[in-house]
C-alpha atoms as a PDB file:
ATOM      1  CA  MET A   1     -54.787 109.507 156.607  1.00  0.00           C
ATOM      2  CA  GLU A   2     -52.956 106.692 157.322  1.00  0.00           C
ATOM      3  CA  LYS A   3     -52.258 105.012 153.853  1.00  0.00           C
ATOM      4  CA  GLU A   4     -54.168 101.480 155.292  1.00  0.00           C
ATOM      5  CA  LEU A   5     -57.379 103.365 155.694  1.00  0.00           C
ATOM      6  CA  VAL A   6     -57.049 105.433 152.246  1.00  0.00           C
ATOM      7  CA  GLU A   7     -55.834 102.245 150.641  1.00  0.00           C
ATOM      8  CA  PHE A   8     -59.407 100.247 152.118  1.00  0.00           C
ATOM      9  CA  ILE A   9     -61.468 103.425 150.889  1.00  0.00           C
ATOM     10  CA  ARG A  10     -60.452 102.891 147.714  1.00  0.00           C
ATOM     11  CA  ASN A  11     -61.326  99.327 147.762  1.00  0.00           C
ATOM     12  CA  ILE A  12     -64.452  99.505 148.951  1.00  0.00           C
ATOM     13  CA  PHE A  13     -65.480 101.876 146.526  1.00  0.00           C
ATOM     14  CA  GLU A  14     -64.846  99.828 143.513  1.00  0.00           C
ATOM     15  CA  ILE A  15     -66.795  97.086 144.346  1.00  0.00           C
ATOM     16  CA  ASP A  16     -70.551  97.727 143.046  1.00  0.00           C
ATOM     17  CA  SER A  17     -72.572  97.270 146.343  1.00  0.00           C
ATOM     18  CA  PRO A  18     -77.053  98.506 145.251  1.00  0.00           C
ATOM     19  CA  SER A  19     -79.132  97.036 148.581  1.00  0.00           C
ATOM     20  CA  GLY A  20     -79.458  93.725 148.118  1.00  0.00           C
ATOM     21  CA  TYR A  21     -76.427  92.893 145.363  1.00  0.00           C
ATOM     22  CA  CYS A  22     -73.648  93.086 148.031  1.00  0.00           C
ATOM     23  CA  HIS A  23     -71.968  89.850 148.009  1.00  0.00           C
ATOM     24  CA  GLU A  24     -69.276  90.509 146.705  1.00  0.00           C
ATOM     25  CA  VAL A  25     -68.398  94.027 149.163  1.00  0.00           C
ATOM     26  CA  ILE A  26     -69.439  92.101 152.301  1.00  0.00           C
ATOM     27  CA  SER A  27     -66.608  89.004 151.201  1.00  0.00           C
ATOM     28  CA  PHE A  28     -64.099  91.997 150.479  1.00  0.00           C
ATOM     29  CA  VAL A  29     -65.110  93.677 154.474  1.00  0.00           C
ATOM     30  CA  GLU A  30     -64.760  89.924 156.048  1.00  0.00           C
ATOM     31  CA  LYS A  31     -61.567  89.528 154.421  1.00  0.00           C
ATOM     32  CA  GLU A  32     -60.020  92.471 155.806  1.00  0.00           C
ATOM     33  CA  VAL A  33     -61.663  92.414 159.190  1.00  0.00           C
ATOM     34  CA  ASN A  34     -60.651  88.911 159.500  1.00  0.00           C
ATOM     35  CA  GLN A  35     -56.601  89.716 158.059  1.00  0.00           C
ATOM     36  CA  LEU A  36     -57.159  92.524 161.587  1.00  0.00           C
ATOM     37  CA  GLY A  37     -58.073  88.897 163.432  1.00  0.00           C
ATOM     38  CA  TYR A  38     -61.517  89.078 164.216  1.00  0.00           C
ATOM     39  CA  GLN A  39     -64.172  86.180 164.054  1.00  0.00           C
ATOM     40  CA  THR A  40     -66.953  87.283 161.927  1.00  0.00           C
ATOM     41  CA  LYS A  41     -70.388  85.591 161.100  1.00  0.00           C
ATOM     42  CA  LYS A  42     -72.743  86.144 158.120  1.00  0.00           C
ATOM     43  CA  THR A  43     -76.212  86.326 158.861  1.00  0.00           C
ATOM     44  CA  LYS A  44     -79.127  84.580 156.489  1.00  0.00           C
ATOM     45  CA  LYS A  45     -79.712  88.035 155.075  1.00  0.00           C
ATOM     46  CA  GLY A  46     -76.391  88.370 153.536  1.00  0.00           C
ATOM     47  CA  ASN A  47     -75.208  90.891 156.790  1.00  0.00           C
ATOM     48  CA  LEU A  48     -71.670  90.578 158.131  1.00  0.00           C
ATOM     49  CA  GLU A  49     -71.357  90.639 162.300  1.00  0.00           C
ATOM     50  CA  ILE A  50     -67.983  91.386 163.499  1.00  0.00           C
ATOM     51  CA  TYR A  51     -67.213  89.830 167.298  1.00  0.00           C
ATOM     52  CA  VAL A  52     -64.486  91.802 169.590  1.00  0.00           C
ATOM     53  CA  GLU A  53     -64.850  90.805 172.984  1.00  0.00           C
ATOM     54  CA  GLY A  54     -63.859  93.243 175.997  1.00  0.00           C
ATOM     55  CA  LYS A  55     -62.139  93.703 179.282  1.00  0.00           C
ATOM     56  CA  SER A  56     -65.377  93.289 180.501  1.00  0.00           C
ATOM     57  CA  ASN A  57     -69.227  90.918 179.553  1.00  0.00           C
ATOM     58  CA  GLU A  58     -71.610  92.839 181.825  1.00  0.00           C
ATOM     59  CA  LYS A  59     -72.984  94.446 178.796  1.00  0.00           C
ATOM     60  CA  THR A  60     -72.764  94.481 175.068  1.00  0.00           C
ATOM     61  CA  ILE A  61     -72.188  97.392 173.070  1.00  0.00           C
ATOM     62  CA  GLY A  62     -73.391  97.272 169.283  1.00  0.00           C
ATOM     63  CA  LEU A  63     -72.000  99.775 166.091  1.00  0.00           C
ATOM     64  CA  CYS A  64     -73.345  99.108 162.796  1.00  0.00           C
ATOM     65  CA  ALA A  65     -73.132 100.927 159.534  1.00  0.00           C
ATOM     66  CA  HIS A  66     -74.341  99.918 156.029  1.00  0.00           C
ATOM     67  CA  VAL A  67     -72.014  98.982 153.159  1.00  0.00           C
ATOM     68  CA  ASP A  68     -75.210  98.850 150.221  1.00  0.00           C
ATOM     69  CA  THR A  69     -75.823 102.093 148.373  1.00  0.00           C
ATOM     70  CA  LEU A  70     -78.309 103.417 146.185  1.00  0.00           C
ATOM     71  CA  GLY A  71     -78.883 101.849 142.530  1.00  0.00           C
ATOM     72  CA  LEU A  72     -81.334 100.981 140.213  1.00  0.00           C
ATOM     73  CA  MET A  73     -82.974  98.429 138.467  1.00  0.00           C
ATOM     74  CA  VAL A  74     -83.989  97.292 135.075  1.00  0.00           C
ATOM     75  CA  ARG A  75     -87.466  98.382 135.020  1.00  0.00           C
ATOM     76  CA  SER A  76     -88.013  96.976 131.291  1.00  0.00           C
ATOM     77  CA  ILE A  77     -86.407  96.890 127.357  1.00  0.00           C
ATOM     78  CA  LYS A  78     -87.665  99.491 125.138  1.00  0.00           C
ATOM     79  CA  ASN A  79     -88.253  98.750 121.617  1.00  0.00           C
ATOM     80  CA  ASP A  80     -85.424 100.967 120.155  1.00  0.00           C
ATOM     81  CA  GLY A  81     -82.795  99.251 122.505  1.00  0.00           C
ATOM     82  CA  THR A  82     -82.784 101.434 125.485  1.00  0.00           C
ATOM     83  CA  LEU A  83     -83.615 100.338 128.973  1.00  0.00           C
ATOM     84  CA  ALA A  84     -86.214 101.838 131.181  1.00  0.00           C
ATOM     85  CA  PHE A  85     -84.695 101.907 134.620  1.00  0.00           C
ATOM     86  CA  THR A  86     -86.722 101.990 138.301  1.00  0.00           C
ATOM     87  CA  ASN A  87     -84.814 103.152 141.419  1.00  0.00           C
ATOM     88  CA  ILE A  88     -83.105 101.252 144.845  1.00  0.00           C
ATOM     89  CA  GLY A  89     -82.965 103.660 147.384  1.00  0.00           C
ATOM     90  CA  GLY A  90     -83.187 107.005 147.144  1.00  0.00           C
ATOM     91  CA  PRO A  91     -81.134 108.735 144.277  1.00  0.00           C
ATOM     92  CA  ILE A  92     -81.578 111.881 143.179  1.00  0.00           C
ATOM     93  CA  ILE A  93     -82.495 110.819 139.896  1.00  0.00           C
ATOM     94  CA  PRO A  94     -81.544 114.353 137.774  1.00  0.00           C
ATOM     95  CA  THR A  95     -78.146 113.953 138.996  1.00  0.00           C
ATOM     96  CA  LEU A  96     -77.569 110.768 137.348  1.00  0.00           C
ATOM     97  CA  ASP A  97     -77.765 112.522 133.659  1.00  0.00           C
ATOM     98  CA  GLY A  98     -74.711 111.436 131.864  1.00  0.00           C
ATOM     99  CA  GLU A  99     -73.276 108.809 134.722  1.00  0.00           C
ATOM    100  CA  TYR A 100     -71.465 105.505 133.170  1.00  0.00           C
ATOM    101  CA  CYS A 101     -73.294 102.496 134.540  1.00  0.00           C
ATOM    102  CA  ARG A 102     -72.901  98.726 134.565  1.00  0.00           C
ATOM    103  CA  ILE A 103     -75.932  96.461 134.333  1.00  0.00           C
ATOM    104  CA  MET A 104     -74.808  93.183 136.005  1.00  0.00           C
ATOM    105  CA  THR A 105     -77.353  90.208 134.471  1.00  0.00           C
ATOM    106  CA  ARG A 106     -78.165  87.257 136.402  1.00  0.00           C
ATOM    107  CA  ASN A 107     -75.966  85.049 134.309  1.00  0.00           C
ATOM    108  CA  GLN A 108     -73.305  86.988 135.639  1.00  0.00           C
ATOM    109  CA  LYS A 109     -72.234  88.823 132.358  1.00  0.00           C
ATOM    110  CA  ILE A 110     -71.467  92.902 133.224  1.00  0.00           C
ATOM    111  CA  TYR A 111     -72.859  95.786 130.330  1.00  0.00           C
ATOM    112  CA  THR A 112     -71.313  99.261 130.572  1.00  0.00           C
ATOM    113  CA  GLY A 113     -73.900 102.128 129.970  1.00  0.00           C
ATOM    114  CA  THR A 114     -74.668 105.598 130.019  1.00  0.00           C
ATOM    115  CA  ILE A 115     -78.047 107.026 131.955  1.00  0.00           C
ATOM    116  CA  LEU A 116     -79.270 109.681 129.675  1.00  0.00           C
ATOM    117  CA  SER A 117     -82.485 111.957 129.023  1.00  0.00           C
ATOM    118  CA  THR A 118     -85.181 110.544 126.458  1.00  0.00           C
ATOM    119  CA  SER A 119     -84.136 114.340 125.285  1.00  0.00           C
ATOM    120  CA  PRO A 120     -80.234 113.379 124.617  1.00  0.00           C
ATOM    121  CA  SER A 121     -79.022 115.729 122.043  1.00  0.00           C
ATOM    122  CA  ALA A 122     -78.931 120.048 122.511  1.00  0.00           C
ATOM    123  CA  HIS A 123     -78.813 119.803 118.387  1.00  0.00           C
ATOM    124  CA  VAL A 124     -82.238 117.399 117.756  1.00  0.00           C
ATOM    125  CA  TYR A 125     -84.611 118.230 120.663  1.00  0.00           C
ATOM    126  CA  ASN A 126     -85.934 121.808 121.925  1.00  0.00           C
ATOM    127  CA  ASP A 127     -86.373 120.293 125.446  1.00  0.00           C
ATOM    128  CA  SER A 128     -83.133 118.569 125.951  1.00  0.00           C
ATOM    129  CA  LYS A 129     -81.995 121.307 128.015  1.00  0.00           C
ATOM    130  CA  SER A 130     -85.597 122.095 129.804  1.00  0.00           C
ATOM    131  CA  LYS A 131     -87.019 118.614 130.181  1.00  0.00           C
ATOM    132  CA  GLU A 132     -87.435 116.968 133.408  1.00  0.00           C
ATOM    133  CA  ARG A 133     -85.235 114.661 135.029  1.00  0.00           C
ATOM    134  CA  ASN A 134     -87.127 111.468 136.635  1.00  0.00           C
ATOM    135  CA  LEU A 135     -87.776 108.138 136.135  1.00  0.00           C
ATOM    136  CA  ASP A 136     -90.203 108.170 133.092  1.00  0.00           C
ATOM    137  CA  THR A 137     -87.947 110.804 131.168  1.00  0.00           C
ATOM    138  CA  MET A 138     -84.696 109.064 131.344  1.00  0.00           C
ATOM    139  CA  CYS A 139     -83.227 105.490 130.142  1.00  0.00           C
ATOM    140  CA  ILE A 140     -80.029 103.708 130.316  1.00  0.00           C
ATOM    141  CA  ARG A 141     -78.055 103.473 126.694  1.00  0.00           C
ATOM    142  CA  ILE A 142     -75.833 100.455 126.492  1.00  0.00           C
ATOM    143  CA  ASP A 143     -72.914 100.132 125.125  1.00  0.00           C
ATOM    144  CA  GLU A 144     -73.160  97.342 122.372  1.00  0.00           C
ATOM    145  CA  LYS A 145     -74.769  96.712 118.947  1.00  0.00           C
ATOM    146  CA  VAL A 146     -77.848  96.965 119.920  1.00  0.00           C
ATOM    147  CA  LYS A 147     -81.105  97.850 117.559  1.00  0.00           C
ATOM    148  CA  ASN A 148     -83.764  96.709 119.120  1.00  0.00           C
ATOM    149  CA  LYS A 149     -85.659  94.960 121.886  1.00  0.00           C
ATOM    150  CA  GLU A 150     -84.435  91.588 120.979  1.00  0.00           C
ATOM    151  CA  ASP A 151     -80.979  92.235 120.428  1.00  0.00           C
ATOM    152  CA  VAL A 152     -81.025  93.820 123.891  1.00  0.00           C
ATOM    153  CA  GLN A 153     -82.891  90.282 125.337  1.00  0.00           C
ATOM    154  CA  ALA A 154     -80.244  88.329 122.959  1.00  0.00           C
ATOM    155  CA  LEU A 155     -77.500  89.853 125.539  1.00  0.00           C
ATOM    156  CA  GLY A 156     -79.232  87.867 128.344  1.00  0.00           C
ATOM    157  CA  ILE A 157     -80.367  91.671 129.978  1.00  0.00           C
ATOM    158  CA  GLN A 158     -83.763  91.276 131.435  1.00  0.00           C
ATOM    159  CA  ASN A 159     -86.402  92.901 133.590  1.00  0.00           C
ATOM    160  CA  GLY A 160     -84.901  92.871 137.073  1.00  0.00           C
ATOM    161  CA  ASP A 161     -81.298  93.082 136.548  1.00  0.00           C
ATOM    162  CA  TYR A 162     -79.160  95.057 139.078  1.00  0.00           C
ATOM    163  CA  ILE A 163     -77.617  98.929 137.704  1.00  0.00           C
ATOM    164  CA  ALA A 164     -74.276 100.365 139.482  1.00  0.00           C
ATOM    165  CA  TYR A 165     -73.024 103.650 138.509  1.00  0.00           C
ATOM    166  CA  ASP A 166     -69.976 105.014 138.590  1.00  0.00           C
ATOM    167  CA  PRO A 167     -69.185 106.153 142.391  1.00  0.00           C
ATOM    168  CA  LYS A 168     -66.252 108.453 140.940  1.00  0.00           C
ATOM    169  CA  THR A 169     -64.075 108.649 144.032  1.00  0.00           C
ATOM    170  CA  THR A 170     -61.364 111.160 144.421  1.00  0.00           C
ATOM    171  CA  ILE A 171     -59.443 111.931 147.205  1.00  0.00           C
ATOM    172  CA  THR A 172     -57.531 115.645 147.021  1.00  0.00           C
ATOM    173  CA  GLU A 173     -54.920 116.462 148.547  1.00  0.00           C
ATOM    174  CA  SER A 174     -56.741 119.427 150.688  1.00  0.00           C
ATOM    175  CA  GLY A 175     -58.262 116.212 152.253  1.00  0.00           C
ATOM    176  CA  PHE A 176     -61.350 115.950 150.837  1.00  0.00           C
ATOM    177  CA  ILE A 177     -62.620 112.860 149.714  1.00  0.00           C
ATOM    178  CA  LYS A 178     -65.686 113.123 147.079  1.00  0.00           C
ATOM    179  CA  SER A 179     -67.934 110.358 145.654  1.00  0.00           C
ATOM    180  CA  ARG A 180     -71.209 108.998 145.591  1.00  0.00           C
ATOM    181  CA  PHE A 181     -72.109 106.333 148.089  1.00  0.00           C
ATOM    182  CA  LEU A 182     -70.259 107.788 151.059  1.00  0.00           C
ATOM    183  CA  ASP A 183     -73.971 107.127 152.319  1.00  0.00           C
ATOM    184  CA  ASP A 184     -72.187 104.931 154.033  1.00  0.00           C
ATOM    185  CA  LYS A 185     -69.465 103.194 152.792  1.00  0.00           C
ATOM    186  CA  ILE A 186     -67.412 106.188 154.396  1.00  0.00           C
ATOM    187  CA  SER A 187     -68.383 104.651 158.152  1.00  0.00           C
ATOM    188  CA  VAL A 188     -67.448 101.227 157.036  1.00  0.00           C
ATOM    189  CA  ALA A 189     -63.895 102.333 156.514  1.00  0.00           C
ATOM    190  CA  ILE A 190     -64.449 104.199 159.537  1.00  0.00           C
ATOM    191  CA  ILE A 191     -65.123 101.292 161.468  1.00  0.00           C
ATOM    192  CA  TYR A 192     -62.283  98.685 159.631  1.00  0.00           C
ATOM    193  CA  GLU A 193     -59.913 101.793 161.131  1.00  0.00           C
ATOM    194  CA  VAL A 194     -61.644 101.623 164.373  1.00  0.00           C
ATOM    195  CA  LEU A 195     -60.842  97.638 164.540  1.00  0.00           C
ATOM    196  CA  ARG A 196     -57.308  98.523 162.949  1.00  0.00           C
ATOM    197  CA  ARG A 197     -56.300 100.625 165.883  1.00  0.00           C
ATOM    198  CA  LEU A 198     -58.981  98.829 168.551  1.00  0.00           C
ATOM    199  CA  LYS A 199     -56.801  96.697 171.026  1.00  0.00           C
ATOM    200  CA  LYS A 200     -59.976  96.176 173.785  1.00  0.00           C
ATOM    201  CA  PRO A 201     -63.268  97.793 174.015  1.00  0.00           C
ATOM    202  CA  GLN A 202     -64.400  98.119 177.400  1.00  0.00           C
ATOM    203  CA  TYR A 203     -67.084  95.509 177.153  1.00  0.00           C
ATOM    204  CA  ASP A 204     -67.743  92.756 174.723  1.00  0.00           C
ATOM    205  CA  LEU A 205     -68.659  94.237 171.551  1.00  0.00           C
ATOM    206  CA  ILE A 206     -71.029  93.548 168.263  1.00  0.00           C
ATOM    207  CA  ILE A 207     -70.769  95.158 164.798  1.00  0.00           C
ATOM    208  CA  THR A 208     -72.839  94.894 161.908  1.00  0.00           C
ATOM    209  CA  ILE A 209     -72.243  95.836 158.536  1.00  0.00           C
ATOM    210  CA  SER A 210     -75.662  95.442 156.935  1.00  0.00           C
ATOM    211  CA  THR A 211     -76.563  94.935 153.821  1.00  0.00           C
ATOM    212  CA  TYR A 212     -80.408  96.163 153.224  1.00  0.00           C
ATOM    213  CA  GLU A 213     -80.227  99.361 155.275  1.00  0.00           C
ATOM    214  CA  GLU A 214     -81.507 102.335 151.762  1.00  0.00           C
ATOM    215  CA  VAL A 215     -84.169 100.373 151.420  1.00  0.00           C
ATOM    216  CA  GLY A 216     -85.309 100.405 154.809  1.00  0.00           C
ATOM    217  CA  HIS A 217     -84.350  96.818 156.925  1.00  0.00           C
ATOM    218  CA  GLY A 218     -81.033  96.631 157.013  1.00  0.00           C
ATOM    219  CA  CYS A 219     -80.738  96.189 160.832  1.00  0.00           C
ATOM    220  CA  SER A 220     -83.525  94.988 161.771  1.00  0.00           C
ATOM    221  CA  TYR A 221     -82.527  91.385 162.955  1.00  0.00           C
ATOM    222  CA  ILE A 222     -79.439  91.403 164.750  1.00  0.00           C
ATOM    223  CA  SER A 223     -78.943  87.376 165.695  1.00  0.00           C
ATOM    224  CA  LYS A 224     -76.448  88.315 169.331  1.00  0.00           C
ATOM    225  CA  GLU A 225     -78.195  89.644 172.071  1.00  0.00           C
ATOM    226  CA  ILE A 226     -77.085  93.543 172.362  1.00  0.00           C
ATOM    227  CA  ASP A 227     -77.492  96.404 175.089  1.00  0.00           C
ATOM    228  CA  GLU A 228     -77.427  99.516 173.403  1.00  0.00           C
ATOM    229  CA  LEU A 229     -75.957 100.548 169.595  1.00  0.00           C
ATOM    230  CA  VAL A 230     -74.559 103.079 167.866  1.00  0.00           C
ATOM    231  CA  ALA A 231     -75.180 103.793 164.385  1.00  0.00           C
ATOM    232  CA  VAL A 232     -72.426 105.156 162.545  1.00  0.00           C
ATOM    233  CA  ASP A 233     -74.154 106.830 159.483  1.00  0.00           C
ATOM    234  CA  MET A 234     -73.669 110.146 157.394  1.00  0.00           C
ATOM    235  CA  GLY A 235     -74.229 113.552 159.437  1.00  0.00           C
ATOM    236  CA  CYS A 236     -76.791 115.726 157.288  1.00  0.00           C
ATOM    237  CA  ILE A 237     -75.379 119.312 155.904  1.00  0.00           C
ATOM    238  CA  GLY A 238     -77.793 121.984 154.823  1.00  0.00           C
ATOM    239  CA  ASP A 239     -80.032 124.643 156.460  1.00  0.00           C
ATOM    240  CA  ASP A 240     -81.138 124.689 159.735  1.00  0.00           C
ATOM    241  CA  LEU A 241     -78.127 122.214 160.229  1.00  0.00           C
ATOM    242  CA  SER A 242     -75.040 123.342 162.656  1.00  0.00           C
ATOM    243  CA  CYS A 243     -72.991 119.983 160.433  1.00  0.00           C
ATOM    244  CA  SER A 244     -70.237 120.730 158.557  1.00  0.00           C
ATOM    245  CA  GLU A 245     -67.687 118.746 156.443  1.00  0.00           C
ATOM    246  CA  TYR A 246     -65.264 118.307 159.374  1.00  0.00           C
ATOM    247  CA  ASP A 247     -67.542 117.538 161.906  1.00  0.00           C
ATOM    248  CA  VAL A 248     -68.759 114.148 163.733  1.00  0.00           C
ATOM    249  CA  SER A 249     -72.011 114.687 163.951  1.00  0.00           C
ATOM    250  CA  ILE A 250     -74.073 113.463 166.680  1.00  0.00           C
ATOM    251  CA  CYS A 251     -77.840 112.969 165.680  1.00  0.00           C
ATOM    252  CA  ALA A 252     -80.866 113.403 167.832  1.00  0.00           C
ATOM    253  CA  LYS A 253     -83.941 112.777 166.539  1.00  0.00           C
ATOM    254  CA  ASP A 254     -84.889 111.730 163.268  1.00  0.00           C
ATOM    255  CA  SER A 255     -87.951 111.231 161.046  1.00  0.00           C
ATOM    256  CA  SER A 256     -88.290 108.075 163.106  1.00  0.00           C
ATOM    257  CA  GLY A 257     -88.608 109.712 166.182  1.00  0.00           C
ATOM    258  CA  PRO A 258     -85.825 110.518 169.390  1.00  0.00           C
ATOM    259  CA  TYR A 259     -82.576 108.960 170.082  1.00  0.00           C
ATOM    260  CA  ASP A 260     -81.805 107.590 173.318  1.00  0.00           C
ATOM    261  CA  TYR A 261     -81.229 110.401 175.891  1.00  0.00           C
ATOM    262  CA  ASN A 262     -78.583 108.674 177.756  1.00  0.00           C
ATOM    263  CA  MET A 263     -76.236 107.489 175.341  1.00  0.00           C
ATOM    264  CA  THR A 264     -76.982 110.892 172.886  1.00  0.00           C
ATOM    265  CA  THR A 265     -75.810 112.797 175.898  1.00  0.00           C
ATOM    266  CA  LYS A 266     -72.684 110.610 176.737  1.00  0.00           C
ATOM    267  CA  LEU A 267     -71.541 111.067 173.060  1.00  0.00           C
ATOM    268  CA  ILE A 268     -71.925 114.568 173.435  1.00  0.00           C
ATOM    269  CA  LYS A 269     -70.148 114.489 177.120  1.00  0.00           C
ATOM    270  CA  LEU A 270     -67.058 112.851 175.774  1.00  0.00           C
ATOM    271  CA  ALA A 271     -67.249 114.885 172.096  1.00  0.00           C
ATOM    272  CA  LYS A 272     -67.138 118.725 174.435  1.00  0.00           C
ATOM    273  CA  GLU A 273     -64.470 116.999 176.622  1.00  0.00           C
ATOM    274  CA  ASN A 274     -61.785 115.456 174.154  1.00  0.00           C
ATOM    275  CA  ARG A 275     -62.258 118.644 172.236  1.00  0.00           C
ATOM    276  CA  LEU A 276     -63.310 117.209 169.210  1.00  0.00           C
ATOM    277  CA  GLN A 277     -65.146 118.983 166.308  1.00  0.00           C
ATOM    278  CA  TYR A 278     -68.613 118.092 166.626  1.00  0.00           C
ATOM    279  CA  ALA A 279     -72.214 119.035 166.042  1.00  0.00           C
ATOM    280  CA  VAL A 280     -75.745 118.025 167.726  1.00  0.00           C
ATOM    281  CA  ASP A 281     -78.652 118.196 164.764  1.00  0.00           C
ATOM    282  CA  ILE A 282     -81.876 116.965 164.198  1.00  0.00           C
ATOM    283  CA  TYR A 283     -82.396 115.336 160.195  1.00  0.00           C
ATOM    284  CA  PRO A 284     -85.860 115.701 159.331  1.00  0.00           C
ATOM    285  CA  TYR A 285     -86.162 113.394 155.902  1.00  0.00           C
ATOM    286  CA  TYR A 286     -84.162 110.482 157.948  1.00  0.00           C
ATOM    287  CA  GLY A 287     -83.737 106.811 159.680  1.00  0.00           C
ATOM    288  CA  SER A 288     -81.089 104.708 160.189  1.00  0.00           C
ATOM    289  CA  ASP A 289     -79.788 101.168 160.934  1.00  0.00           C
ATOM    290  CA  ALA A 290     -80.612 101.833 164.614  1.00  0.00           C
ATOM    291  CA  SER A 291     -84.343 103.046 163.524  1.00  0.00           C
ATOM    292  CA  ALA A 292     -84.845  99.721 162.073  1.00  0.00           C
ATOM    293  CA  ALA A 293     -83.225  97.635 164.975  1.00  0.00           C
ATOM    294  CA  LEU A 294     -85.582  99.463 166.893  1.00  0.00           C
ATOM    295  CA  LYS A 295     -89.008  98.551 164.306  1.00  0.00           C
ATOM    296  CA  GLY A 296     -87.921  95.448 164.147  1.00  0.00           C
ATOM    297  CA  GLY A 297     -88.321  95.381 168.540  1.00  0.00           C
ATOM    298  CA  GLN A 298     -84.945  94.942 169.295  1.00  0.00           C
ATOM    299  CA  ASN A 299     -84.999  95.340 172.648  1.00  0.00           C
ATOM    300  CA  ILE A 300     -82.161  98.188 172.896  1.00  0.00           C
ATOM    301  CA  ARG A 301     -80.982 101.457 173.500  1.00  0.00           C
ATOM    302  CA  ALA A 302     -79.552 103.461 170.769  1.00  0.00           C
ATOM    303  CA  ALA A 303     -78.205 106.207 169.021  1.00  0.00           C
ATOM    304  CA  LEU A 304     -77.083 107.515 166.150  1.00  0.00           C
ATOM    305  CA  ILE A 305     -73.339 109.547 164.609  1.00  0.00           C
ATOM    306  CA  GLY A 306     -71.143 110.210 161.553  1.00  0.00           C
ATOM    307  CA  PRO A 307     -68.795 112.438 159.793  1.00  0.00           C
ATOM    308  CA  GLY A 308     -70.849 115.254 157.964  1.00  0.00           C
ATOM    309  CA  VAL A 309     -71.458 114.610 154.530  1.00  0.00           C
ATOM    310  CA  HIS A 310     -72.321 117.004 152.128  1.00  0.00           C
ATOM    311  CA  ALA A 311     -75.391 116.715 148.909  1.00  0.00           C
ATOM    312  CA  SER A 312     -76.229 113.291 150.697  1.00  0.00           C
ATOM    313  CA  HIS A 313     -77.916 111.069 147.756  1.00  0.00           C
ATOM    314  CA  GLY A 314     -76.233 112.843 144.676  1.00  0.00           C
ATOM    315  CA  MET A 315     -72.541 113.661 144.517  1.00  0.00           C
ATOM    316  CA  GLU A 316     -70.923 113.517 148.371  1.00  0.00           C
ATOM    317  CA  ARG A 317     -68.393 115.593 149.860  1.00  0.00           C
ATOM    318  CA  THR A 318     -66.779 114.311 153.548  1.00  0.00           C
ATOM    319  CA  HIS A 319     -63.272 115.575 154.513  1.00  0.00           C
ATOM    320  CA  LYS A 320     -60.516 113.915 156.616  1.00  0.00           C
ATOM    321  CA  GLU A 321     -61.157 115.603 159.659  1.00  0.00           C
ATOM    322  CA  ALA A 322     -64.762 114.590 160.189  1.00  0.00           C
ATOM    323  CA  ILE A 323     -63.434 111.452 159.437  1.00  0.00           C
ATOM    324  CA  GLU A 324     -60.970 111.184 162.331  1.00  0.00           C
ATOM    325  CA  ASN A 325     -63.426 112.935 164.710  1.00  0.00           C
ATOM    326  CA  THR A 326     -66.012 110.389 163.779  1.00  0.00           C
ATOM    327  CA  ILE A 327     -63.174 107.574 164.647  1.00  0.00           C
ATOM    328  CA  GLN A 328     -62.055 109.300 167.780  1.00  0.00           C
ATOM    329  CA  LEU A 329     -65.953 109.596 169.222  1.00  0.00           C
ATOM    330  CA  ILE A 330     -66.044 105.595 168.596  1.00  0.00           C
ATOM    331  CA  MET A 331     -62.835 104.862 170.519  1.00  0.00           C
ATOM    332  CA  LEU A 332     -63.769 107.040 173.260  1.00  0.00           C
ATOM    333  CA  TYR A 333     -67.565 105.662 173.608  1.00  0.00           C
ATOM    334  CA  ILE A 334     -66.753 101.689 173.526  1.00  0.00           C
ATOM    335  CA  CYS A 335     -63.126 102.077 175.366  1.00  0.00           C
ATOM    336  CA  LYS A 336     -64.617 104.738 178.233  1.00  0.00           C
ATOM    337  CA  ASN A 337     -68.182 103.594 178.272  1.00  0.00           C
END
């Protein structure tokens, strides 16, 4: 991977951005894109739109990816000084046991902590290994001298405060990128690299970086009229699916229904003719920003592609080959459409 792309990946994953808490990461993306010479605008809901002039204004193509991630929020403060929490989006809750986290208060203070089972010690609790890990059997231990609810409140922590957990981003010498929140920050990085390489697309291009995808309404509103929208989001890997960590995945249908026939066919044709590593799959438990746009009443055609990502909503992993295959398919689509 290009050093600029690697640097962008490292930087964007360091910025906490659970759904609805994306102001800092959007500002980062905006700055990086502006430095490449592109015009941008923030929508009222906090999405970032990027405008690219094409060779023709006969139609307008849209791309989108989401920068918001899974996360948690303080549900209540317990009498022993730990925090009960609720989920933002759909993390696999048992995978959070033992993860470090940050509690971000409304007065801009940040406290660290650890997500734990309520039976956290094998030397004390008989059910420490067998206890189910869910929202009601886990809590957050704060790294401050707190013994009760009042001590926690004195720190300024309150119900409704955001909690972000450690992505553990690692790029291996063998080309793997493993991290939480590859869904979908890796696609934002892919779009950044497309913009870095791009000279001029065939048609006018509007790119939306959304901030509420994980809770279902990221691109439900698009401020400019577009004709077609390609959502760039993670490709699924697992039972009954053909995608790998080295492929660009082309989704024909997800839980919201089939994607546009002609757009999907064109993407498959481009991938095949240019000998990209690709897969065509159906995602049974999945919705995208393209789905949100259609449900929001946008009069558009829509398609969905993305790099193959293993263990989605858990400890995710992809490979630089999937990233490159996705970049190339996007470039082909917007420059030869």
